[in-house]
Amino acid sequence: MRIIITLAIVLFIVSSCIKEETTTQNQSTGTTYTDNSIGKIYTNFSEDWDNWAFTLNGESGYIRTSFSEDWDNWTFSYNGINGSIKTSFSNDWDNWQLQTTNSTIKMRTSFSNDWDNWDVTESATNFNADVQTSFSEDWDNWDIYDNGHILDMKTNFSEDWDSWRVYGEFPASYTIEQKIAVLFVPFFTGAIQIQGINQ
């Protein structure tokens, strides 16, 4: 009898630790999939590449260009933090700086125009993350590394550039600014690739 009670308790504890999954259906195709993501990033209107909304662990925010199609200048707001994301020079889309009152983070391609590989750094905190496509020029599948693989960021469906999902877990030490910086790279790169802006 004690063995059965012990097994029941163990099964209850294990089942309570499993992440809840949500089933979602694509309205246009009817395809159903299971969503166990920690976040979503999506355009407010179809192909509105300069106006994005997102949720991370239930908190909502936005990232959008300062002016319509001003690809060099973005603003964001999330969980009480407001900031800007700007290119270092006009149309220098492989060299960015995220700025808030508490933080300055640089996002740049590992090599000039190497859109597959990005370094995200904050010198004040010795923060360093790598953001890269899962395969060469696979713009809708990205991996984020920080002392090992921590996150996947993917389009909801293949080449569905308006809708992204984030899978994995941010390290507890990540600030809001660091989260925004690593998530900005994939959807921005996907948006300029699909439009041919950086060609």
Protein backbone atom coordinates (compact mmCIF):
# COMPACT_ATOMS: atom_id res chain seq x y z
CA MET A 1 0.00 0.00 0.00
CA ARG A 2 2.83 2.45 0.84
CA ILE A 3 4.43 1.75 -2.54
CA ILE A 4 1.20 2.68 -4.34
CA ILE A 5 0.81 5.90 -2.32
CA THR A 6 4.47 6.79 -2.93
CA LEU A 7 4.10 6.16 -6.67
CA ALA A 8 0.93 8.26 -6.77
CA ILE A 9 2.71 11.16 -5.04
CA VAL A 10 5.72 10.91 -7.39
CA LEU A 11 3.46 10.84 -10.47
CA PHE A 12 1.53 13.86 -9.18
CA ILE A 13 4.73 15.85 -8.62
CA VAL A 14 6.18 14.92 -12.03
CA SER A 15 2.95 15.75 -13.88
CA SER A 16 2.67 19.13 -12.15
CA CYS A 17 6.16 20.06 -13.39
CA ILE A 18 5.37 19.40 -17.06
CA LYS A 19 4.87 22.59 -19.06
CA GLU A 20 1.30 23.08 -20.22
CA GLU A 21 0.90 23.02 -23.99
CA THR A 22 -1.67 24.90 -26.01
CA THR A 23 -3.15 23.60 -29.24
CA THR A 24 -3.50 26.25 -31.94
CA GLN A 25 -4.90 26.18 -35.45
CA ASN A 26 -3.72 28.20 -38.45
CA GLN A 27 -6.93 29.85 -39.69
CA SER A 28 -5.86 30.01 -43.34
CA THR A 29 -4.58 26.43 -43.72
CA GLY A 30 -6.47 24.62 -40.97
CA THR A 31 -3.22 23.04 -39.72
CA THR A 32 -3.23 22.29 -35.98
CA TYR A 33 -0.05 22.32 -33.91
CA THR A 34 0.95 22.22 -30.25
CA ASP A 35 2.40 25.46 -28.90
CA ASN A 36 4.74 25.10 -25.93
CA SER A 37 6.55 28.38 -26.57
CA ILE A 38 7.55 30.91 -23.92
CA GLY A 39 6.89 33.85 -26.22
CA LYS A 40 5.34 35.13 -29.43
CA ILE A 41 6.40 37.97 -31.72
CA TYR A 42 4.04 39.08 -34.48
CA THR A 43 3.18 41.98 -36.76
CA ASN A 44 0.05 43.93 -35.85
CA PHE A 45 -1.16 43.63 -39.45
CA SER A 46 -0.09 41.24 -42.19
CA GLU A 47 3.30 42.26 -43.63
CA ASP A 48 3.43 45.37 -41.42
CA TRP A 49 7.16 44.85 -40.93
CA ASP A 50 7.75 48.04 -38.91
CA ASN A 51 5.17 47.40 -36.17
CA TRP A 52 5.57 44.31 -33.96
CA ALA A 53 3.88 43.15 -30.77
CA PHE A 54 5.17 40.41 -28.50
CA THR A 55 4.47 38.47 -25.34
CA LEU A 56 7.06 36.80 -23.12
CA ASN A 57 5.89 34.66 -20.24
CA GLY A 58 2.53 36.44 -20.29
CA GLU A 59 3.87 40.04 -20.40
CA SER A 60 3.12 42.12 -23.51
CA GLY A 61 5.22 44.72 -25.29
CA TYR A 62 5.99 46.26 -28.67
CA ILE A 63 8.90 46.99 -31.01
CA ARG A 64 8.31 49.40 -33.89
CA THR A 65 10.11 51.81 -36.16
CA SER A 66 10.21 55.41 -34.95
CA PHE A 67 8.70 56.47 -38.28
CA SER A 68 7.05 54.44 -41.02
CA GLU A 69 9.66 52.22 -42.73
CA ASP A 70 12.52 53.97 -40.90
CA TRP A 71 14.54 50.74 -40.65
CA ASP A 72 17.43 52.46 -38.82
CA ASN A 73 15.44 53.65 -35.79
CA TRP A 74 13.21 51.52 -33.55
CA THR A 75 11.58 51.99 -30.16
CA PHE A 76 10.42 49.33 -27.73
CA SER A 77 8.45 49.04 -24.54
CA TYR A 78 8.17 45.97 -22.31
CA ASN A 79 7.37 45.48 -18.64
CA GLY A 80 7.99 49.15 -17.71
CA ILE A 81 11.23 49.48 -19.71
CA ASN A 82 11.33 51.82 -22.72
CA GLY A 83 14.25 52.15 -25.09
CA SER A 84 15.60 52.57 -28.59
CA ILE A 85 17.34 50.30 -31.08
CA LYS A 86 19.35 52.16 -33.71
CA THR A 87 21.93 51.46 -36.38
CA SER A 88 25.38 52.88 -35.71
CA PHE A 89 25.30 54.52 -39.16
CA SER A 90 22.48 55.07 -41.65
CA ASN A 91 21.55 51.82 -43.44
CA ASP A 92 24.29 49.95 -41.52
CA TRP A 93 21.93 47.08 -40.69
CA ASP A 94 24.58 44.73 -39.40
CA ASN A 95 25.63 47.05 -36.57
CA TRP A 96 23.03 48.06 -33.93
CA GLN A 97 22.85 49.57 -30.45
CA LEU A 98 20.03 49.06 -27.95
CA GLN A 99 19.82 51.89 -25.42
CA THR A 100 17.84 52.43 -22.20
CA THR A 101 18.59 54.55 -19.16
CA ASN A 102 20.28 51.51 -17.55
CA SER A 103 21.81 49.64 -20.45
CA THR A 104 23.75 49.83 -23.72
CA ILE A 105 23.85 46.63 -25.77
CA LYS A 106 25.52 46.14 -29.14
CA MET A 107 24.20 43.74 -31.79
CA ARG A 108 26.38 43.16 -34.83
CA THR A 109 27.02 40.53 -37.45
CA SER A 110 30.13 38.45 -36.80
CA PHE A 111 31.46 39.61 -40.18
CA SER A 112 30.23 42.38 -42.47
CA ASN A 113 26.93 41.35 -44.13
CA ASP A 114 27.09 37.89 -42.51
CA TRP A 115 23.36 37.89 -41.73
CA ASP A 116 23.47 34.31 -40.36
CA ASN A 117 25.71 35.06 -37.35
CA TRP A 118 25.30 37.83 -34.79
CA ASP A 119 27.14 38.79 -31.59
CA VAL A 120 25.10 40.50 -28.87
CA THR A 121 27.26 42.12 -26.18
CA GLU A 122 27.00 44.42 -23.18
CA SER A 123 30.45 45.45 -21.97
CA ALA A 124 29.26 46.82 -18.59
CA THR A 125 28.02 43.36 -17.53
CA ASN A 126 30.33 41.13 -19.65
CA PHE A 127 27.19 39.83 -21.37
CA ASN A 128 27.74 37.93 -24.61
CA ALA A 129 25.23 35.89 -26.62
CA ASP A 130 25.42 34.42 -30.12
CA VAL A 131 22.36 34.52 -32.37
CA GLN A 132 22.57 32.45 -35.55
CA THR A 133 20.46 30.69 -38.12
CA SER A 134 20.04 26.96 -37.58
CA PHE A 135 21.29 26.39 -41.14
CA SER A 136 22.94 28.77 -43.60
CA GLU A 137 20.40 31.36 -44.82
CA ASP A 138 17.55 29.57 -43.02
CA TRP A 139 15.95 32.89 -42.04
CA ASP A 140 12.96 31.40 -40.21
CA ASN A 141 14.94 29.16 -37.80
CA TRP A 142 17.34 30.71 -35.28
CA ASP A 143 19.35 29.50 -32.28
CA ILE A 144 20.48 31.63 -29.33
CA TYR A 145 23.58 30.58 -27.38
CA ASP A 146 24.95 31.79 -24.06
CA ASN A 147 27.30 29.23 -22.49
CA GLY A 148 25.39 26.64 -24.50
CA HIS A 149 22.14 26.59 -26.46
CA ILE A 150 19.32 28.35 -24.57
CA LEU A 151 16.60 29.35 -27.06
CA ASP A 152 15.07 28.56 -30.44
CA MET A 153 13.21 31.23 -32.36
CA LYS A 154 11.17 30.13 -35.36
CA THR A 155 8.47 31.38 -37.67
CA ASN A 156 5.11 29.90 -36.80
CA PHE A 157 5.00 28.15 -40.17
CA SER A 158 7.66 27.99 -42.87
CA GLU A 159 8.26 31.50 -44.25
CA ASP A 160 5.44 32.95 -42.11
CA TRP A 161 7.47 36.12 -41.48
CA ASP A 162 4.63 37.83 -39.58
CA SER A 163 4.53 35.36 -36.71
CA TRP A 164 7.37 33.95 -34.58
CA ARG A 165 7.60 31.66 -31.53
CA VAL A 166 10.31 31.48 -28.85
CA TYR A 167 11.15 28.12 -27.26
CA GLY A 168 13.44 27.39 -24.32
CA GLU A 169 14.21 29.41 -21.20
CA PHE A 170 16.10 32.63 -20.65
CA PRO A 171 18.76 32.38 -17.93
CA ALA A 172 17.53 34.02 -14.72
CA SER A 173 20.32 36.62 -14.99
CA TYR A 174 18.99 38.08 -18.28
CA THR A 175 17.76 41.66 -18.07
CA ILE A 176 14.78 42.85 -20.11
CA GLU A 177 17.17 44.71 -22.40
CA GLN A 178 19.22 41.57 -23.06
CA LYS A 179 16.06 39.60 -23.88
CA ILE A 180 14.87 42.28 -26.33
CA ALA A 181 18.31 42.45 -27.99
CA VAL A 182 18.59 38.73 -28.76
CA LEU A 183 14.97 38.53 -29.97
CA PHE A 184 15.27 41.58 -32.24
CA VAL A 185 17.90 40.00 -34.49
CA PRO A 186 15.86 37.11 -36.01
CA PHE A 187 12.65 38.92 -36.84
CA PHE A 188 14.43 42.03 -38.14
CA THR A 189 16.79 39.97 -40.31
CA GLY A 190 13.88 37.90 -41.61
CA ALA A 191 11.93 41.07 -42.45
CA ILE A 192 14.74 42.69 -44.46
CA GLN A 193 15.60 39.43 -46.21
CA ILE A 194 12.05 38.77 -47.34
CA GLN A 195 11.73 42.32 -48.67
CA GLY A 196 15.16 42.32 -50.31
CA ILE A 197 16.01 45.57 -48.51
CA ASN A 198 19.61 44.57 -47.77
CA GLN A 199 20.33 43.14 -51.26
